[in-house]
Amino acid sequence: MPENKNQLREHIRVKIQTLAKEGFSTKEISQKLKVGRTTVFKWKNNKTVIDKKRSGRPRVLTSTDKKQIKSLMYRKFGSSIRKTTKTLNMSKRNLKHCKKISPITVHNYLKTTNWGRKAFRSTKKPLLSKKNDEDRKKLGDFVKKQ
């Protein structure tokens, strides 16, 4: 069985093409494989099963940038997105390539990491500790008895 999504898609496309060659109709193939009829119609006469490359804007952060962000921010008290962005933009590598990274880009990257998501939530301490809460209850009971 296919391991990732791309292999699964290609596997289904191959099945569509083989069933179409065997003479099954579009409706029968879609019911057998539990996919939409438009999907079957699209892939049954296609010569390949591989996706075409999609156009789009290239990624701003490289793997090196991501490592630097982690080293600057991961479990470091007092680290901030602005300081990290400034450090990244002033690095020799980014200055050489005239590359500017915005704070929003760093923020969006942090939201994708498990440790970055937790870092944005400040831990709130309860107003009263468990012991203080118990002491206040004892005091209230004592006052009621008096």
N, C-alpha and C. Protein backbone atom coordinates (compact mmCIF):
# COMPACT_ATOMS: atom_id res chain seq x y z
N MET A 1 0.85 -1.19 0.00
CA MET A 1 0.00 0.00 0.00
C MET A 1 0.89 1.24 0.00
N PRO A 2 0.48 2.31 -0.67
CA PRO A 2 1.28 3.54 -0.74
C PRO A 2 1.52 4.15 0.63
N GLU A 3 2.69 4.79 0.77
CA GLU A 3 3.08 5.33 2.06
C GLU A 3 2.61 6.76 2.27
N ASN A 4 2.76 7.63 1.27
CA ASN A 4 2.35 9.00 1.47
C ASN A 4 1.22 9.39 0.51
N LYS A 5 0.76 10.64 0.62
CA LYS A 5 -0.41 11.09 -0.15
C LYS A 5 -0.16 11.04 -1.65
N ASN A 6 1.05 11.45 -2.08
CA ASN A 6 1.34 11.45 -3.51
C ASN A 6 1.29 10.04 -4.09
N GLN A 7 1.85 9.08 -3.34
CA GLN A 7 1.82 7.69 -3.81
C GLN A 7 0.39 7.17 -3.85
N LEU A 8 -0.42 7.57 -2.88
CA LEU A 8 -1.82 7.15 -2.85
C LEU A 8 -2.56 7.68 -4.06
N ARG A 9 -2.34 8.97 -4.37
CA ARG A 9 -2.99 9.57 -5.54
C ARG A 9 -2.58 8.85 -6.82
N GLU A 10 -1.27 8.61 -6.95
CA GLU A 10 -0.78 7.93 -8.15
C GLU A 10 -1.34 6.51 -8.24
N HIS A 11 -1.47 5.85 -7.12
CA HIS A 11 -2.02 4.50 -7.09
C HIS A 11 -3.47 4.50 -7.59
N ILE A 12 -4.25 5.46 -7.13
CA ILE A 12 -5.65 5.57 -7.58
C ILE A 12 -5.71 5.88 -9.07
N ARG A 13 -4.83 6.76 -9.53
CA ARG A 13 -4.82 7.12 -10.95
C ARG A 13 -4.49 5.92 -11.84
N VAL A 14 -3.55 5.09 -11.38
CA VAL A 14 -3.21 3.88 -12.13
C VAL A 14 -4.42 2.95 -12.19
N LYS A 15 -5.11 2.81 -11.05
CA LYS A 15 -6.31 1.98 -11.03
C LYS A 15 -7.38 2.52 -11.99
N ILE A 16 -7.54 3.84 -12.01
CA ILE A 16 -8.52 4.46 -12.92
C ILE A 16 -8.17 4.11 -14.36
N GLN A 17 -6.90 4.25 -14.71
CA GLN A 17 -6.48 4.00 -16.09
C GLN A 17 -6.63 2.53 -16.46
N THR A 18 -6.31 1.62 -15.54
CA THR A 18 -6.44 0.20 -15.87
C THR A 18 -7.91 -0.21 -16.00
N LEU A 19 -8.77 0.31 -15.12
CA LEU A 19 -10.19 -0.01 -15.23
C LEU A 19 -10.81 0.57 -16.50
N ALA A 20 -10.32 1.74 -16.91
CA ALA A 20 -10.82 2.36 -18.14
C ALA A 20 -10.41 1.51 -19.35
N LYS A 21 -9.19 0.98 -19.33
CA LYS A 21 -8.73 0.13 -20.43
C LYS A 21 -9.49 -1.19 -20.48
N GLU A 22 -9.95 -1.65 -19.32
CA GLU A 22 -10.73 -2.88 -19.25
C GLU A 22 -12.17 -2.69 -19.74
N GLY A 23 -12.57 -1.42 -19.92
CA GLY A 23 -13.88 -1.16 -20.49
C GLY A 23 -14.95 -0.69 -19.53
N PHE A 24 -14.57 -0.37 -18.30
CA PHE A 24 -15.55 0.13 -17.33
C PHE A 24 -15.92 1.57 -17.67
N SER A 25 -17.15 1.96 -17.36
CA SER A 25 -17.59 3.34 -17.61
C SER A 25 -17.08 4.24 -16.48
N THR A 26 -17.18 5.54 -16.73
CA THR A 26 -16.72 6.53 -15.75
C THR A 26 -17.48 6.37 -14.44
N LYS A 27 -18.78 6.18 -14.54
CA LYS A 27 -19.62 6.05 -13.35
C LYS A 27 -19.25 4.80 -12.54
N GLU A 28 -19.01 3.69 -13.23
CA GLU A 28 -18.66 2.44 -12.55
C GLU A 28 -17.31 2.56 -11.83
N ILE A 29 -16.36 3.19 -12.51
CA ILE A 29 -15.02 3.38 -11.92
C ILE A 29 -15.12 4.26 -10.67
N SER A 30 -15.89 5.34 -10.77
CA SER A 30 -16.00 6.25 -9.63
C SER A 30 -16.67 5.56 -8.44
N GLN A 31 -17.63 4.70 -8.71
CA GLN A 31 -18.30 3.98 -7.62
C GLN A 31 -17.37 2.92 -7.01
N LYS A 32 -16.60 2.24 -7.86
CA LYS A 32 -15.69 1.21 -7.37
C LYS A 32 -14.58 1.79 -6.49
N LEU A 33 -13.98 2.87 -6.95
CA LEU A 33 -12.84 3.45 -6.25
C LEU A 33 -13.23 4.53 -5.23
N LYS A 34 -14.52 4.87 -5.22
CA LYS A 34 -15.04 5.91 -4.31
C LYS A 34 -14.34 7.24 -4.50
N VAL A 35 -14.25 7.66 -5.75
CA VAL A 35 -13.72 8.98 -6.11
C VAL A 35 -14.75 9.67 -6.99
N GLY A 36 -14.61 10.96 -7.18
CA GLY A 36 -15.56 11.71 -7.99
C GLY A 36 -15.46 11.35 -9.47
N ARG A 37 -16.58 11.54 -10.16
CA ARG A 37 -16.59 11.24 -11.59
C ARG A 37 -15.69 12.18 -12.37
N THR A 38 -15.58 13.42 -11.90
CA THR A 38 -14.69 14.37 -12.58
C THR A 38 -13.23 13.91 -12.49
N THR A 39 -12.86 13.33 -11.35
CA THR A 39 -11.51 12.80 -11.17
C THR A 39 -11.26 11.67 -12.16
N VAL A 40 -12.23 10.78 -12.26
CA VAL A 40 -12.09 9.65 -13.19
C VAL A 40 -12.00 10.16 -14.61
N PHE A 41 -12.86 11.08 -14.98
CA PHE A 41 -12.87 11.63 -16.33
C PHE A 41 -11.54 12.30 -16.66
N LYS A 42 -10.97 13.00 -15.65
CA LYS A 42 -9.71 13.73 -15.85
C LYS A 42 -8.54 12.77 -16.10
N TRP A 43 -8.49 11.65 -15.35
CA TRP A 43 -7.32 10.80 -15.37
C TRP A 43 -7.42 9.56 -16.26
N LYS A 44 -8.60 9.21 -16.74
CA LYS A 44 -8.70 7.95 -17.47
C LYS A 44 -8.02 8.00 -18.84
N ASN A 45 -7.97 9.15 -19.49
CA ASN A 45 -7.31 9.27 -20.79
C ASN A 45 -5.96 9.96 -20.71
N ASN A 46 -5.51 10.25 -19.50
CA ASN A 46 -4.24 10.94 -19.32
C ASN A 46 -3.09 9.96 -19.51
N LYS A 47 -1.98 10.43 -20.04
CA LYS A 47 -0.84 9.54 -20.31
C LYS A 47 0.02 9.28 -19.07
N THR A 48 0.06 10.22 -18.14
CA THR A 48 0.88 10.04 -16.94
C THR A 48 -0.01 10.06 -15.70
N VAL A 49 0.57 9.66 -14.58
CA VAL A 49 -0.16 9.70 -13.31
C VAL A 49 0.51 10.65 -12.32
N ILE A 50 1.57 11.30 -12.76
CA ILE A 50 2.35 12.18 -11.89
C ILE A 50 1.81 13.61 -11.99
N ASP A 51 1.76 14.31 -10.86
CA ASP A 51 1.32 15.70 -10.84
C ASP A 51 2.33 16.58 -11.57
N LYS A 52 1.82 17.64 -12.21
CA LYS A 52 2.70 18.63 -12.83
C LYS A 52 3.21 19.56 -11.73
N LYS A 53 4.36 20.17 -11.97
CA LYS A 53 4.88 21.13 -11.02
C LYS A 53 3.97 22.34 -11.00
N ARG A 54 3.75 22.85 -9.81
CA ARG A 54 2.88 24.02 -9.66
C ARG A 54 3.74 25.27 -9.57
N SER A 55 3.23 26.33 -10.14
CA SER A 55 3.94 27.59 -10.05
C SER A 55 3.60 28.24 -8.72
N GLY A 56 4.42 29.15 -8.30
CA GLY A 56 4.15 29.84 -7.05
C GLY A 56 5.39 30.54 -6.54
N ARG A 57 5.19 31.31 -5.53
CA ARG A 57 6.29 32.06 -4.96
C ARG A 57 7.21 31.14 -4.19
N PRO A 58 8.53 31.31 -4.36
CA PRO A 58 9.46 30.46 -3.61
C PRO A 58 9.43 30.79 -2.12
N ARG A 59 9.85 29.85 -1.31
CA ARG A 59 9.87 30.03 0.14
C ARG A 59 10.87 31.12 0.52
N VAL A 60 10.52 31.89 1.54
CA VAL A 60 11.41 32.94 2.01
C VAL A 60 12.49 32.36 2.93
N LEU A 61 12.06 31.48 3.84
CA LEU A 61 13.01 30.92 4.81
C LEU A 61 13.65 29.65 4.27
N THR A 62 14.96 29.61 4.34
CA THR A 62 15.67 28.39 3.98
C THR A 62 15.82 27.54 5.24
N SER A 63 16.33 26.34 5.08
CA SER A 63 16.52 25.47 6.25
C SER A 63 17.55 26.09 7.21
N THR A 64 18.53 26.80 6.67
CA THR A 64 19.52 27.47 7.52
C THR A 64 18.87 28.57 8.35
N ASP A 65 17.97 29.34 7.71
CA ASP A 65 17.26 30.39 8.44
C ASP A 65 16.43 29.79 9.57
N LYS A 66 15.78 28.67 9.29
CA LYS A 66 14.95 28.02 10.30
C LYS A 66 15.79 27.55 11.48
N LYS A 67 16.98 27.02 11.18
CA LYS A 67 17.88 26.58 12.25
C LYS A 67 18.33 27.77 13.10
N GLN A 68 18.61 28.90 12.43
CA GLN A 68 19.03 30.10 13.16
C GLN A 68 17.91 30.61 14.05
N ILE A 69 16.68 30.59 13.54
CA ILE A 69 15.54 31.04 14.34
C ILE A 69 15.41 30.16 15.57
N LYS A 70 15.55 28.87 15.38
CA LYS A 70 15.43 27.96 16.52
C LYS A 70 16.53 28.22 17.54
N SER A 71 17.76 28.41 17.06
CA SER A 71 18.86 28.63 17.99
C SER A 71 18.70 29.97 18.73
N LEU A 72 18.07 30.95 18.09
CA LEU A 72 17.90 32.25 18.72
C LEU A 72 16.70 32.29 19.67
N MET A 73 15.69 31.48 19.42
CA MET A 73 14.45 31.61 20.19
C MET A 73 14.08 30.43 21.06
N TYR A 74 14.53 29.24 20.76
CA TYR A 74 14.07 28.05 21.45
C TYR A 74 14.51 28.07 22.91
N ARG A 75 13.56 28.12 23.81
CA ARG A 75 13.78 28.12 25.25
C ARG A 75 14.77 29.19 25.71
N LYS A 76 14.69 30.36 25.12
CA LYS A 76 15.57 31.45 25.53
C LYS A 76 14.72 32.56 26.11
N PHE A 77 14.92 32.85 27.38
CA PHE A 77 14.16 33.88 28.06
C PHE A 77 14.58 35.25 27.51
N GLY A 78 13.62 36.09 27.19
CA GLY A 78 13.91 37.43 26.70
C GLY A 78 14.07 37.51 25.20
N SER A 79 13.96 36.38 24.50
CA SER A 79 14.08 36.44 23.04
C SER A 79 12.76 36.93 22.46
N SER A 80 12.84 37.68 21.38
CA SER A 80 11.63 38.18 20.76
C SER A 80 11.73 38.03 19.25
N ILE A 81 10.60 38.15 18.61
CA ILE A 81 10.56 38.01 17.15
C ILE A 81 11.32 39.15 16.49
N ARG A 82 11.17 40.36 17.03
CA ARG A 82 11.87 41.51 16.44
C ARG A 82 13.38 41.37 16.54
N LYS A 83 13.87 40.96 17.70
CA LYS A 83 15.32 40.77 17.87
C LYS A 83 15.84 39.68 16.94
N THR A 84 15.08 38.61 16.84
CA THR A 84 15.48 37.50 15.98
C THR A 84 15.52 37.94 14.52
N THR A 85 14.50 38.68 14.08
CA THR A 85 14.45 39.17 12.71
C THR A 85 15.62 40.09 12.40
N LYS A 86 15.92 40.97 13.35
CA LYS A 86 17.04 41.90 13.16
C LYS A 86 18.35 41.14 13.04
N THR A 87 18.54 40.13 13.88
CA THR A 87 19.77 39.32 13.84
C THR A 87 19.88 38.58 12.51
N LEU A 88 18.75 38.01 12.05
CA LEU A 88 18.77 37.31 10.76
C LEU A 88 19.11 38.24 9.61
N ASN A 89 18.49 39.43 9.60
CA ASN A 89 18.72 40.37 8.50
C ASN A 89 20.12 40.95 8.51
N MET A 90 20.76 40.99 9.67
CA MET A 90 22.12 41.52 9.76
C MET A 90 23.19 40.45 9.57
N SER A 91 22.77 39.20 9.39
CA SER A 91 23.76 38.13 9.19
C SER A 91 24.45 38.30 7.84
N LYS A 92 25.70 37.86 7.75
CA LYS A 92 26.48 38.02 6.52
C LYS A 92 25.80 37.35 5.33
N ARG A 93 25.21 36.20 5.60
CA ARG A 93 24.57 35.43 4.53
C ARG A 93 23.42 36.21 3.88
N ASN A 94 22.56 36.78 4.72
CA ASN A 94 21.41 37.51 4.19
C ASN A 94 21.81 38.86 3.60
N LEU A 95 22.82 39.49 4.18
CA LEU A 95 23.30 40.75 3.61
C LEU A 95 23.91 40.53 2.23
N LYS A 96 24.62 39.42 2.09
CA LYS A 96 25.28 39.09 0.82
C LYS A 96 24.25 38.89 -0.29
N HIS A 97 23.13 38.24 0.04
CA HIS A 97 22.09 37.96 -0.95
C HIS A 97 21.03 39.06 -1.01
N CYS A 98 21.23 40.16 -0.25
CA CYS A 98 20.26 41.26 -0.18
C CYS A 98 18.87 40.73 0.18
N LYS A 99 18.85 39.84 1.14
CA LYS A 99 17.60 39.19 1.53
C LYS A 99 17.08 39.79 2.83
N LYS A 100 15.81 40.19 2.83
CA LYS A 100 15.18 40.74 4.03
C LYS A 100 14.08 39.79 4.47
N ILE A 101 14.08 39.48 5.74
CA ILE A 101 13.05 38.63 6.32
C ILE A 101 12.20 39.50 7.24
N SER A 102 10.89 39.42 7.09
CA SER A 102 10.01 40.25 7.92
C SER A 102 9.68 39.53 9.22
N PRO A 103 9.30 40.31 10.24
CA PRO A 103 8.90 39.69 11.51
C PRO A 103 7.69 38.77 11.35
N ILE A 104 6.82 39.09 10.42
CA ILE A 104 5.63 38.26 10.19
C ILE A 104 6.04 36.88 9.68
N THR A 105 7.07 36.83 8.84
CA THR A 105 7.56 35.55 8.34
C THR A 105 8.09 34.70 9.49
N VAL A 106 8.84 35.32 10.39
CA VAL A 106 9.37 34.60 11.55
C VAL A 106 8.21 34.13 12.43
N HIS A 107 7.23 35.01 12.64
CA HIS A 107 6.06 34.67 13.45
C HIS A 107 5.30 33.49 12.84
N ASN A 108 5.09 33.53 11.53
CA ASN A 108 4.37 32.44 10.86
C ASN A 108 5.15 31.13 10.95
N TYR A 109 6.47 31.19 10.86
CA TYR A 109 7.27 29.97 11.00
C TYR A 109 7.14 29.42 12.41
N LEU A 110 7.19 30.29 13.41
CA LEU A 110 7.08 29.84 14.80
C LEU A 110 5.75 29.15 15.06
N LYS A 111 4.69 29.64 14.41
CA LYS A 111 3.38 29.02 14.60
C LYS A 111 3.32 27.60 14.04
N THR A 112 4.21 27.29 13.09
CA THR A 112 4.21 25.94 12.51
C THR A 112 4.96 24.94 13.38
N THR A 113 5.77 25.42 14.32
CA THR A 113 6.54 24.52 15.16
C THR A 113 5.79 24.27 16.47
N ASN A 114 5.98 23.09 17.05
CA ASN A 114 5.33 22.78 18.32
C ASN A 114 5.83 23.68 19.44
N TRP A 115 7.12 23.88 19.49
CA TRP A 115 7.67 24.70 20.57
C TRP A 115 7.33 26.17 20.39
N GLY A 116 7.13 26.62 19.16
CA GLY A 116 6.78 28.02 18.91
C GLY A 116 5.35 28.32 19.30
N ARG A 117 4.47 27.36 19.10
CA ARG A 117 3.07 27.55 19.48
C ARG A 117 2.93 27.69 20.98
N LYS A 118 3.69 26.91 21.71
CA LYS A 118 3.61 26.96 23.17
C LYS A 118 4.23 28.24 23.70
N ALA A 119 5.24 28.76 23.01
CA ALA A 119 5.96 29.93 23.50
C ALA A 119 5.07 31.17 23.52
N PHE A 120 4.06 31.24 22.68
CA PHE A 120 3.23 32.43 22.63
C PHE A 120 2.19 32.46 23.74
N ARG A 121 1.98 31.35 24.41
CA ARG A 121 1.01 31.31 25.49
C ARG A 121 1.75 31.48 26.81
N SER A 122 1.49 32.59 27.46
CA SER A 122 2.16 32.79 28.74
C SER A 122 1.47 31.92 29.79
N THR A 123 2.27 31.39 30.66
CA THR A 123 1.72 30.53 31.70
C THR A 123 1.14 31.42 32.79
N LYS A 124 -0.11 31.21 33.11
CA LYS A 124 -0.77 32.01 34.13
C LYS A 124 -0.73 31.27 35.45
N LYS A 125 -0.24 31.94 36.46
CA LYS A 125 -0.23 31.35 37.78
C LYS A 125 -1.57 31.66 38.45
N PRO A 126 -2.10 30.73 39.21
CA PRO A 126 -3.34 31.02 39.92
C PRO A 126 -3.11 32.12 40.95
N LEU A 127 -4.14 32.89 41.22
CA LEU A 127 -3.99 33.97 42.20
C LEU A 127 -3.65 33.43 43.58
N LEU A 128 -4.27 32.31 43.90
CA LEU A 128 -3.99 31.68 45.19
C LEU A 128 -3.41 30.30 44.98
N SER A 129 -2.42 29.97 45.79
CA SER A 129 -1.87 28.62 45.71
C SER A 129 -2.84 27.67 46.41
N LYS A 130 -2.60 26.40 46.28
CA LYS A 130 -3.47 25.40 46.89
C LYS A 130 -3.48 25.55 48.41
N LYS A 131 -2.31 25.81 48.97
CA LYS A 131 -2.20 25.97 50.42
C LYS A 131 -2.95 27.21 50.88
N ASN A 132 -2.81 28.33 50.13
CA ASN A 132 -3.52 29.56 50.50
C ASN A 132 -5.04 29.35 50.44
N ASP A 133 -5.48 28.63 49.45
CA ASP A 133 -6.90 28.35 49.28
C ASP A 133 -7.43 27.55 50.47
N GLU A 134 -6.67 26.52 50.89
CA GLU A 134 -7.08 25.70 52.04
C GLU A 134 -7.09 26.53 53.33
N ASP A 135 -6.08 27.38 53.51
CA ASP A 135 -6.01 28.24 54.70
C ASP A 135 -7.20 29.19 54.76
N ARG A 136 -7.60 29.75 53.62
CA ARG A 136 -8.74 30.67 53.59
C ARG A 136 -10.04 29.94 53.93
N LYS A 137 -10.17 28.70 53.45
CA LYS A 137 -11.36 27.92 53.78
C LYS A 137 -11.41 27.63 55.27
N LYS A 138 -10.27 27.28 55.85
CA LYS A 138 -10.21 27.03 57.30
C LYS A 138 -10.59 28.28 58.08
N LEU A 139 -10.08 29.43 57.62
CA LEU A 139 -10.38 30.70 58.28
C LEU A 139 -11.88 30.99 58.19
N GLY A 140 -12.47 30.76 57.01
CA GLY A 140 -13.91 30.98 56.84
C GLY A 140 -14.73 30.09 57.75
N ASP A 141 -14.34 28.82 57.86
CA ASP A 141 -15.04 27.90 58.75
C ASP A 141 -14.90 28.34 60.21
N PHE A 142 -13.70 28.79 60.56
CA PHE A 142 -13.44 29.25 61.94
C PHE A 142 -14.32 30.46 62.26
N VAL A 143 -14.42 31.41 61.31
CA VAL A 143 -15.22 32.62 61.53
C VAL A 143 -16.69 32.26 61.67
N LYS A 144 -17.19 31.31 60.86
CA LYS A 144 -18.58 30.89 60.94
C LYS A 144 -18.89 30.28 62.31
N LYS A 145 -17.97 29.50 62.87
CA LYS A 145 -18.17 28.87 64.16
C LYS A 145 -18.21 29.91 65.28
N GLN A 146 -17.42 30.96 65.14
CA GLN A 146 -17.35 31.99 66.17
C GLN A 146 -18.60 32.83 66.10
